[in-house]
C-alpha atoms as a PDB file:
ATOM      1  CA  MET A   1      -0.038  -0.013   0.002  1.00  0.00           C
ATOM      2  CA  THR A   2       1.217   3.518  -0.801  1.00  0.00           C
ATOM      3  CA  GLN A   3       0.975   6.275   1.826  1.00  0.00           C
ATOM      4  CA  ARG A   4      -0.197   9.769   0.963  1.00  0.00           C
ATOM      5  CA  VAL A   5       1.725  12.704   2.501  1.00  0.00           C
ATOM      6  CA  TRP A   6       0.992  16.454   2.414  1.00  0.00           C
ATOM      7  CA  LEU A   7       3.204  19.442   1.511  1.00  0.00           C
ATOM      8  CA  ALA A   8       2.557  22.945   2.704  1.00  0.00           C
ATOM      9  CA  VAL A   9       4.094  26.084   1.256  1.00  0.00           C
ATOM     10  CA  VAL A  10       3.353  29.893   1.311  1.00  0.00           C
ATOM     11  CA  TYR A  11       4.817  32.297  -1.371  1.00  0.00           C
ATOM     12  CA  PRO A  12       4.388  35.836  -2.734  1.00  0.00           C
ATOM     13  CA  ILE A  13       2.299  36.311  -5.865  1.00  0.00           C
ATOM     14  CA  GLY A  14       3.049  38.926  -8.460  1.00  0.00           C
ATOM     15  CA  SER A  15       6.640  39.579  -7.308  1.00  0.00           C
ATOM     16  CA  ALA A  16       9.649  39.572  -9.580  1.00  0.00           C
ATOM     17  CA  ASP A  17      11.411  37.947  -6.664  1.00  0.00           C
ATOM     18  CA  VAL A  18       9.019  34.957  -6.396  1.00  0.00           C
ATOM     19  CA  PHE A  19      11.715  32.338  -7.080  1.00  0.00           C
ATOM     20  CA  GLY A  20      13.304  31.417  -3.811  1.00  0.00           C
ATOM     21  CA  ALA A  21      10.914  33.442  -1.796  1.00  0.00           C
ATOM     22  CA  GLY A  22       8.566  30.663  -0.726  1.00  0.00           C
ATOM     23  CA  TRP A  23       8.269  29.581   2.893  1.00  0.00           C
ATOM     24  CA  ASP A  24       7.957  25.985   4.072  1.00  0.00           C
ATOM     25  CA  ARG A  25       9.415  24.071   6.920  1.00  0.00           C
ATOM     26  CA  ASP A  26      11.096  21.336   4.877  1.00  0.00           C
ATOM     27  CA  HIS A  27       9.001  18.424   5.916  1.00  0.00           C
ATOM     28  CA  LEU A  28       5.806  16.580   4.965  1.00  0.00           C
ATOM     29  CA  HIS A  29       2.652  15.848   6.916  1.00  0.00           C
ATOM     30  CA  TRP A  30       0.413  12.717   7.282  1.00  0.00           C
ATOM     31  CA  THR A  31      -2.813  14.783   7.018  1.00  0.00           C
ATOM     32  CA  ARG A  32      -4.292  17.684   5.021  1.00  0.00           C
ATOM     33  CA  ASP A  33      -5.341  19.373   8.198  1.00  0.00           C
ATOM     34  CA  VAL A  34      -1.854  19.499   9.671  1.00  0.00           C
ATOM     35  CA  ALA A  35      -0.437  20.792   6.417  1.00  0.00           C
ATOM     36  CA  GLU A  36      -3.028  23.573   6.340  1.00  0.00           C
ATOM     37  CA  ARG A  37      -2.236  24.383   9.858  1.00  0.00           C
ATOM     38  CA  GLU A  38       1.412  24.765   8.882  1.00  0.00           C
ATOM     39  CA  CYS A  39       0.435  27.362   6.232  1.00  0.00           C
ATOM     40  CA  TRP A  40      -1.637  29.256   8.902  1.00  0.00           C
ATOM     41  CA  GLU A  41       1.338  29.281  11.183  1.00  0.00           C
ATOM     42  CA  ILE A  42       3.709  30.499   8.430  1.00  0.00           C
ATOM     43  CA  ALA A  43       1.235  33.215   7.405  1.00  0.00           C
ATOM     44  CA  GLU A  44       0.991  34.357  11.046  1.00  0.00           C
ATOM     45  CA  GLU A  45       4.786  34.375  11.469  1.00  0.00           C
ATOM     46  CA  HIS A  46       5.071  36.682   8.386  1.00  0.00           C
ATOM     47  CA  GLY A  47       2.185  39.000   9.325  1.00  0.00           C
ATOM     48  CA  LEU A  48      -0.156  37.879   6.566  1.00  0.00           C
ATOM     49  CA  GLY A  49      -3.925  38.048   6.912  1.00  0.00           C
ATOM     50  CA  ASP A  50      -6.267  35.101   6.963  1.00  0.00           C
ATOM     51  CA  ILE A  51      -5.880  32.444   4.237  1.00  0.00           C
ATOM     52  CA  SER A  52      -8.897  31.968   1.999  1.00  0.00           C
ATOM     53  CA  TRP A  53      -8.822  28.399   0.667  1.00  0.00           C
ATOM     54  CA  THR A  54     -10.082  26.917  -2.684  1.00  0.00           C
ATOM     55  CA  ALA A  55     -10.022  23.193  -3.309  1.00  0.00           C
ATOM     56  CA  ILE A  56      -8.668  22.458  -6.771  1.00  0.00           C
ATOM     57  CA  THR A  57      -8.911  18.649  -6.405  1.00  0.00           C
ATOM     58  CA  GLU A  58      -9.353  16.228  -3.557  1.00  0.00           C
ATOM     59  CA  PHE A  59      -5.546  16.287  -3.060  1.00  0.00           C
ATOM     60  CA  TRP A  60      -4.726  19.951  -3.883  1.00  0.00           C
ATOM     61  CA  SER A  61      -5.847  23.220  -2.369  1.00  0.00           C
ATOM     62  CA  ILE A  62      -4.684  26.784  -2.959  1.00  0.00           C
ATOM     63  CA  GLY A  63      -5.133  29.761  -0.730  1.00  0.00           C
ATOM     64  CA  ARG A  64      -4.767  33.464  -0.865  1.00  0.00           C
ATOM     65  CA  ALA A  65      -3.709  35.940   1.882  1.00  0.00           C
ATOM     66  CA  ARG A  66      -2.775  39.597   1.961  1.00  0.00           C
ATOM     67  CA  LYS A  67      -0.288  41.802   3.787  1.00  0.00           C
ATOM     68  CA  GLY A  68      -1.338  45.347   2.910  1.00  0.00           C
ATOM     69  CA  ASP A  69      -1.328  45.567  -0.907  1.00  0.00           C
ATOM     70  CA  GLU A  70       0.859  42.409  -1.358  1.00  0.00           C
ATOM     71  CA  LEU A  71      -0.803  39.191  -2.258  1.00  0.00           C
ATOM     72  CA  TYR A  72       0.438  35.715  -1.067  1.00  0.00           C
ATOM     73  CA  GLY A  73      -0.422  32.251  -2.156  1.00  0.00           C
ATOM     74  CA  ALA A  74      -0.531  29.097  -0.129  1.00  0.00           C
ATOM     75  CA  THR A  75      -0.513  25.530  -1.487  1.00  0.00           C
ATOM     76  CA  VAL A  76      -1.316  22.187   0.277  1.00  0.00           C
ATOM     77  CA  ARG A  77      -0.722  19.241  -2.004  1.00  0.00           C
ATOM     78  CA  GLY A  78      -1.151  15.543  -1.241  1.00  0.00           C
ATOM     79  CA  VAL A  79       1.221  13.185  -3.051  1.00  0.00           C
ATOM     80  CA  LEU A  80       1.861   9.475  -2.757  1.00  0.00           C
ATOM     81  CA  LEU A  81       5.100   8.153  -1.450  1.00  0.00           C
ATOM     82  CA  PRO A  82       6.764   5.523  -3.695  1.00  0.00           C
ATOM     83  CA  ALA A  83       6.103   1.875  -2.836  1.00  0.00           C
ATOM     84  CA  ALA A  84       8.898   0.355  -0.736  1.00  0.00           C
ATOM     85  CA  ASN A  85       9.939  -1.959  -3.604  1.00  0.00           C
ATOM     86  CA  ALA A  86       9.445   0.634  -6.426  1.00  0.00           C
ATOM     87  CA  PRO A  87      12.473   0.886  -8.746  1.00  0.00           C
ATOM     88  CA  LEU A  88      14.287   4.217  -8.915  1.00  0.00           C
ATOM     89  CA  ALA A  89      13.237   6.476 -11.706  1.00  0.00           C
ATOM     90  CA  PRO A  90      15.868   7.017 -14.373  1.00  0.00           C
ATOM     91  CA  GLN A  91      17.398  10.444 -14.295  1.00  0.00           C
ATOM     92  CA  VAL A  92      16.791  11.437 -17.920  1.00  0.00           C
ATOM     93  CA  GLY A  93      18.235  14.662 -18.986  1.00  0.00           C
ATOM     94  CA  VAL A  94      19.986  15.386 -15.627  1.00  0.00           C
ATOM     95  CA  ARG A  95      23.534  16.444 -15.924  1.00  0.00           C
ATOM     96  CA  ASN A  96      26.173  16.864 -13.261  1.00  0.00           C
ATOM     97  CA  ALA A  97      26.766  20.566 -12.773  1.00  0.00           C
ATOM     98  CA  HIS A  98      30.331  19.882 -11.582  1.00  0.00           C
ATOM     99  CA  PRO A  99      32.274  17.845 -14.046  1.00  0.00           C
END
């Protein structure tokens, strides 16, 4: 059986500096509720307003929050862990950056 885990991340929207500006805590969660709670905690730490959530699918929700005129997004996404005996995926097109 494969186990579903949940990722939580908060990030600015509409900023030229969006790449590298997202906030997460570098871990996964066993439930959607705990992942959403992490987004709320991150939003609070950064002084953002309440998060308004929209369900995209059963396993993916996006949220929006504001800090003054700035808009922020939040994503909670459920993904399946690979099976214990699953073969490693080939690394097609990946090159070593340091020869």
